[in-house]
Amino acid sequence: MERTGLHSRQFIETFRYTFSQSIDIECNDSVQVLNLVEGGQITIYSKTDAFPPFDVHYAETAIVPAAVGTYSIRPSGVSEGKKVMIIVASVR
């Protein structure tokens, strides 16, 4: 995980995640907006079954409500086992 270049006074916080295995992301009481910027496909899973798993393809955007808490993302489809990169934005 890497914090990206937004100014500290802006109310939006962004992070870049690069991974090839499943990762968990905590919503921290904020809606999460994510975009797949490298790789072909990821699958997003709710840790509490708040929603069914869904796929996000390259350049697509997904929104995860704050109420979800923690969710998991893993490379899938043609990207399974390969490096993918996402940008996640949330309210500070």
N, C-alpha and C. Protein backbone atom coordinates (compact mmCIF):
# COMPACT_ATOMS: atom_id res chain seq x y z
N MET A 1 0.85 -1.17 0.00
CA MET A 1 0.00 0.00 0.00
C MET A 1 0.89 1.23 0.00
N GLU A 2 0.50 2.20 -0.81
CA GLU A 2 1.26 3.45 -0.92
C GLU A 2 0.28 4.62 -0.95
N ARG A 3 0.49 5.58 -0.07
CA ARG A 3 -0.34 6.79 -0.10
C ARG A 3 0.06 7.59 -1.33
N THR A 4 -0.93 8.06 -2.08
CA THR A 4 -0.63 8.82 -3.30
C THR A 4 -0.67 10.31 -3.03
N GLY A 5 -0.45 11.14 -4.07
CA GLY A 5 -0.09 12.52 -3.94
C GLY A 5 -1.11 13.58 -3.63
N LEU A 6 -2.24 13.29 -3.04
CA LEU A 6 -3.16 14.37 -2.71
C LEU A 6 -2.63 15.16 -1.52
N HIS A 7 -2.94 16.44 -1.48
CA HIS A 7 -2.50 17.32 -0.41
C HIS A 7 -3.19 16.94 0.90
N SER A 8 -2.51 17.09 2.01
CA SER A 8 -3.04 16.68 3.31
C SER A 8 -4.29 17.47 3.73
N ARG A 9 -4.52 18.62 3.14
CA ARG A 9 -5.71 19.42 3.48
C ARG A 9 -6.95 19.02 2.68
N GLN A 10 -6.79 18.18 1.68
CA GLN A 10 -7.96 17.73 0.93
C GLN A 10 -8.70 16.68 1.74
N PHE A 11 -10.00 16.61 1.55
CA PHE A 11 -10.81 15.69 2.35
C PHE A 11 -10.83 14.26 1.78
N ILE A 12 -10.24 14.07 0.62
CA ILE A 12 -10.15 12.74 0.01
C ILE A 12 -8.75 12.18 0.24
N GLU A 13 -8.70 10.92 0.63
CA GLU A 13 -7.43 10.23 0.82
C GLU A 13 -7.35 9.11 -0.21
N THR A 14 -6.20 8.96 -0.86
CA THR A 14 -6.05 7.92 -1.88
C THR A 14 -4.84 7.05 -1.58
N PHE A 15 -5.00 5.77 -1.90
CA PHE A 15 -3.94 4.79 -1.72
C PHE A 15 -3.83 3.94 -2.98
N ARG A 16 -2.62 3.51 -3.27
CA ARG A 16 -2.38 2.59 -4.39
C ARG A 16 -1.93 1.26 -3.78
N TYR A 17 -2.61 0.19 -4.16
CA TYR A 17 -2.28 -1.15 -3.71
C TYR A 17 -1.77 -1.95 -4.91
N THR A 18 -0.63 -2.61 -4.75
CA THR A 18 -0.10 -3.51 -5.77
C THR A 18 0.03 -4.88 -5.12
N PHE A 19 -0.58 -5.89 -5.73
CA PHE A 19 -0.60 -7.21 -5.10
C PHE A 19 -0.82 -8.31 -6.14
N SER A 20 -0.47 -9.54 -5.75
CA SER A 20 -0.70 -10.70 -6.60
C SER A 20 -1.46 -11.80 -5.86
N GLN A 21 -1.77 -11.57 -4.59
CA GLN A 21 -2.55 -12.48 -3.77
C GLN A 21 -3.68 -11.70 -3.12
N SER A 22 -4.57 -12.39 -2.47
CA SER A 22 -5.71 -11.76 -1.81
C SER A 22 -5.23 -10.77 -0.73
N ILE A 23 -5.90 -9.61 -0.67
CA ILE A 23 -5.63 -8.62 0.38
C ILE A 23 -6.95 -8.23 1.04
N ASP A 24 -6.86 -7.75 2.26
CA ASP A 24 -8.03 -7.23 2.98
C ASP A 24 -7.89 -5.72 3.08
N ILE A 25 -9.01 -5.02 2.92
CA ILE A 25 -9.03 -3.56 3.06
C ILE A 25 -10.13 -3.19 4.04
N GLU A 26 -9.80 -2.32 4.97
CA GLU A 26 -10.75 -1.83 5.98
C GLU A 26 -11.35 -0.52 5.51
N CYS A 27 -12.67 -0.40 5.58
CA CYS A 27 -13.36 0.82 5.14
C CYS A 27 -13.12 2.00 6.08
N ASN A 28 -12.84 1.73 7.36
CA ASN A 28 -12.61 2.81 8.34
C ASN A 28 -13.75 3.83 8.36
N ASP A 29 -14.97 3.33 8.34
CA ASP A 29 -16.18 4.18 8.43
C ASP A 29 -16.31 5.18 7.28
N SER A 30 -15.78 4.83 6.12
CA SER A 30 -15.89 5.70 4.94
C SER A 30 -16.18 4.86 3.70
N VAL A 31 -17.00 5.40 2.83
CA VAL A 31 -17.22 4.75 1.55
C VAL A 31 -15.87 4.64 0.83
N GLN A 32 -15.67 3.57 0.08
CA GLN A 32 -14.44 3.36 -0.67
C GLN A 32 -14.78 3.32 -2.17
N VAL A 33 -14.03 4.07 -2.96
CA VAL A 33 -14.18 4.05 -4.40
C VAL A 33 -12.87 3.53 -4.95
N LEU A 34 -12.93 2.43 -5.70
CA LEU A 34 -11.68 1.87 -6.21
C LEU A 34 -11.74 1.67 -7.71
N ASN A 35 -10.56 1.72 -8.31
CA ASN A 35 -10.41 1.58 -9.75
C ASN A 35 -9.25 0.64 -10.03
N LEU A 36 -9.47 -0.33 -10.92
CA LEU A 36 -8.40 -1.25 -11.32
C LEU A 36 -7.58 -0.56 -12.40
N VAL A 37 -6.32 -0.23 -12.09
CA VAL A 37 -5.48 0.53 -13.01
C VAL A 37 -4.39 -0.31 -13.67
N GLU A 38 -4.17 -1.54 -13.18
CA GLU A 38 -3.23 -2.44 -13.82
C GLU A 38 -3.68 -3.87 -13.57
N GLY A 39 -3.72 -4.67 -14.62
CA GLY A 39 -4.19 -6.05 -14.53
C GLY A 39 -5.54 -6.17 -15.21
N GLY A 40 -5.94 -7.40 -15.49
CA GLY A 40 -7.16 -7.63 -16.26
C GLY A 40 -8.43 -7.70 -15.44
N GLN A 41 -8.36 -8.29 -14.23
CA GLN A 41 -9.58 -8.51 -13.46
C GLN A 41 -9.26 -8.79 -12.00
N ILE A 42 -10.12 -8.29 -11.11
CA ILE A 42 -10.08 -8.63 -9.70
C ILE A 42 -11.48 -9.05 -9.28
N THR A 43 -11.56 -9.75 -8.15
CA THR A 43 -12.85 -10.09 -7.56
C THR A 43 -12.88 -9.54 -6.15
N ILE A 44 -13.98 -8.88 -5.80
CA ILE A 44 -14.15 -8.27 -4.49
C ILE A 44 -15.12 -9.13 -3.69
N TYR A 45 -14.73 -9.45 -2.44
CA TYR A 45 -15.51 -10.30 -1.56
C TYR A 45 -15.82 -9.58 -0.26
N SER A 46 -17.02 -9.74 0.25
CA SER A 46 -17.38 -9.25 1.57
C SER A 46 -16.93 -10.26 2.61
N LYS A 47 -16.29 -9.81 3.67
CA LYS A 47 -15.87 -10.71 4.75
C LYS A 47 -17.07 -11.17 5.58
N THR A 48 -18.20 -10.44 5.48
CA THR A 48 -19.39 -10.75 6.28
C THR A 48 -20.59 -11.13 5.41
N ASP A 49 -20.35 -11.42 4.13
CA ASP A 49 -21.42 -11.75 3.18
C ASP A 49 -22.42 -10.61 3.02
N ALA A 50 -21.95 -9.36 3.15
CA ALA A 50 -22.82 -8.19 2.96
C ALA A 50 -23.24 -8.04 1.50
N PHE A 51 -22.48 -8.62 0.58
CA PHE A 51 -22.80 -8.60 -0.85
C PHE A 51 -22.16 -9.83 -1.50
N PRO A 52 -22.70 -10.28 -2.62
CA PRO A 52 -22.08 -11.41 -3.32
C PRO A 52 -20.78 -10.96 -3.98
N PRO A 53 -19.82 -11.87 -4.18
CA PRO A 53 -18.58 -11.49 -4.86
C PRO A 53 -18.87 -10.91 -6.24
N PHE A 54 -18.09 -9.92 -6.63
CA PHE A 54 -18.27 -9.36 -7.97
C PHE A 54 -16.92 -9.02 -8.59
N ASP A 55 -16.90 -9.07 -9.92
CA ASP A 55 -15.67 -8.84 -10.68
C ASP A 55 -15.57 -7.39 -11.11
N VAL A 56 -14.34 -6.89 -11.12
CA VAL A 56 -14.02 -5.57 -11.64
C VAL A 56 -12.93 -5.78 -12.68
N HIS A 57 -13.14 -5.25 -13.88
CA HIS A 57 -12.19 -5.39 -14.97
C HIS A 57 -11.34 -4.13 -15.12
N TYR A 58 -10.27 -4.25 -15.88
CA TYR A 58 -9.35 -3.13 -16.09
C TYR A 58 -10.13 -1.85 -16.41
N ALA A 59 -9.77 -0.76 -15.74
CA ALA A 59 -10.33 0.58 -15.91
C ALA A 59 -11.76 0.73 -15.39
N GLU A 60 -12.32 -0.30 -14.77
CA GLU A 60 -13.65 -0.17 -14.17
C GLU A 60 -13.52 0.34 -12.74
N THR A 61 -14.59 0.94 -12.25
CA THR A 61 -14.66 1.50 -10.91
C THR A 61 -15.71 0.76 -10.11
N ALA A 62 -15.44 0.56 -8.83
CA ALA A 62 -16.41 -0.06 -7.91
C ALA A 62 -16.52 0.80 -6.66
N ILE A 63 -17.69 0.76 -6.05
CA ILE A 63 -17.94 1.49 -4.81
C ILE A 63 -18.30 0.48 -3.73
N VAL A 64 -17.61 0.58 -2.59
CA VAL A 64 -17.87 -0.30 -1.45
C VAL A 64 -18.39 0.58 -0.31
N PRO A 65 -19.62 0.35 0.15
CA PRO A 65 -20.19 1.17 1.22
C PRO A 65 -19.41 1.03 2.53
N ALA A 66 -19.41 2.07 3.33
CA ALA A 66 -18.70 2.07 4.62
C ALA A 66 -19.20 0.96 5.53
N ALA A 67 -20.50 0.64 5.46
CA ALA A 67 -21.09 -0.37 6.34
C ALA A 67 -20.50 -1.76 6.14
N VAL A 68 -19.82 -1.99 5.02
CA VAL A 68 -19.23 -3.31 4.74
C VAL A 68 -18.13 -3.63 5.75
N GLY A 69 -17.42 -2.63 6.24
CA GLY A 69 -16.33 -2.87 7.19
C GLY A 69 -15.06 -3.29 6.48
N THR A 70 -14.75 -4.57 6.53
CA THR A 70 -13.56 -5.11 5.86
C THR A 70 -13.99 -5.96 4.68
N TYR A 71 -13.29 -5.81 3.57
CA TYR A 71 -13.55 -6.63 2.38
C TYR A 71 -12.23 -7.14 1.82
N SER A 72 -12.32 -8.15 0.98
CA SER A 72 -11.13 -8.76 0.38
C SER A 72 -11.16 -8.56 -1.13
N ILE A 73 -9.96 -8.46 -1.70
CA ILE A 73 -9.81 -8.36 -3.15
C ILE A 73 -8.72 -9.34 -3.57
N ARG A 74 -8.96 -10.05 -4.68
CA ARG A 74 -7.91 -10.92 -5.20
C ARG A 74 -7.89 -10.84 -6.72
N PRO A 75 -6.72 -11.02 -7.30
CA PRO A 75 -6.64 -11.11 -8.77
C PRO A 75 -7.44 -12.32 -9.22
N SER A 76 -8.15 -12.20 -10.33
CA SER A 76 -8.97 -13.32 -10.81
C SER A 76 -8.97 -13.32 -12.33
N GLY A 77 -9.62 -14.33 -12.90
CA GLY A 77 -9.67 -14.45 -14.36
C GLY A 77 -8.27 -14.52 -14.93
N VAL A 78 -8.01 -13.73 -15.96
CA VAL A 78 -6.69 -13.74 -16.62
C VAL A 78 -5.60 -13.20 -15.70
N SER A 79 -5.96 -12.51 -14.63
CA SER A 79 -4.97 -11.92 -13.72
C SER A 79 -4.64 -12.81 -12.53
N GLU A 80 -5.29 -13.97 -12.41
CA GLU A 80 -5.08 -14.83 -11.24
C GLU A 80 -3.60 -15.14 -11.08
N GLY A 81 -3.06 -14.81 -9.89
CA GLY A 81 -1.66 -15.05 -9.60
C GLY A 81 -0.70 -14.01 -10.17
N LYS A 82 -1.21 -13.05 -10.92
CA LYS A 82 -0.37 -12.00 -11.50
C LYS A 82 -0.55 -10.70 -10.72
N LYS A 83 0.40 -9.81 -10.88
CA LYS A 83 0.35 -8.52 -10.20
C LYS A 83 -0.78 -7.65 -10.76
N VAL A 84 -1.55 -7.05 -9.86
CA VAL A 84 -2.58 -6.08 -10.23
C VAL A 84 -2.36 -4.83 -9.38
N MET A 85 -2.95 -3.72 -9.82
CA MET A 85 -2.83 -2.47 -9.07
C MET A 85 -4.19 -1.79 -9.04
N ILE A 86 -4.56 -1.32 -7.84
CA ILE A 86 -5.81 -0.56 -7.69
C ILE A 86 -5.51 0.77 -7.01
N ILE A 87 -6.35 1.75 -7.27
CA ILE A 87 -6.35 3.01 -6.55
C ILE A 87 -7.64 3.03 -5.73
N VAL A 88 -7.51 3.31 -4.44
CA VAL A 88 -8.67 3.37 -3.54
C VAL A 88 -8.77 4.79 -2.97
N ALA A 89 -9.94 5.39 -3.10
CA ALA A 89 -10.18 6.73 -2.56
C ALA A 89 -11.26 6.64 -1.48
N SER A 90 -11.07 7.42 -0.41
CA SER A 90 -12.06 7.47 0.66
C SER A 90 -12.03 8.86 1.29
N VAL A 91 -13.07 9.14 2.07
CA VAL A 91 -13.13 10.41 2.79
C VAL A 91 -12.28 10.28 4.06
N ARG A 92 -11.49 11.29 4.35
CA ARG A 92 -10.64 11.24 5.57
C ARG A 92 -11.48 11.20 6.82
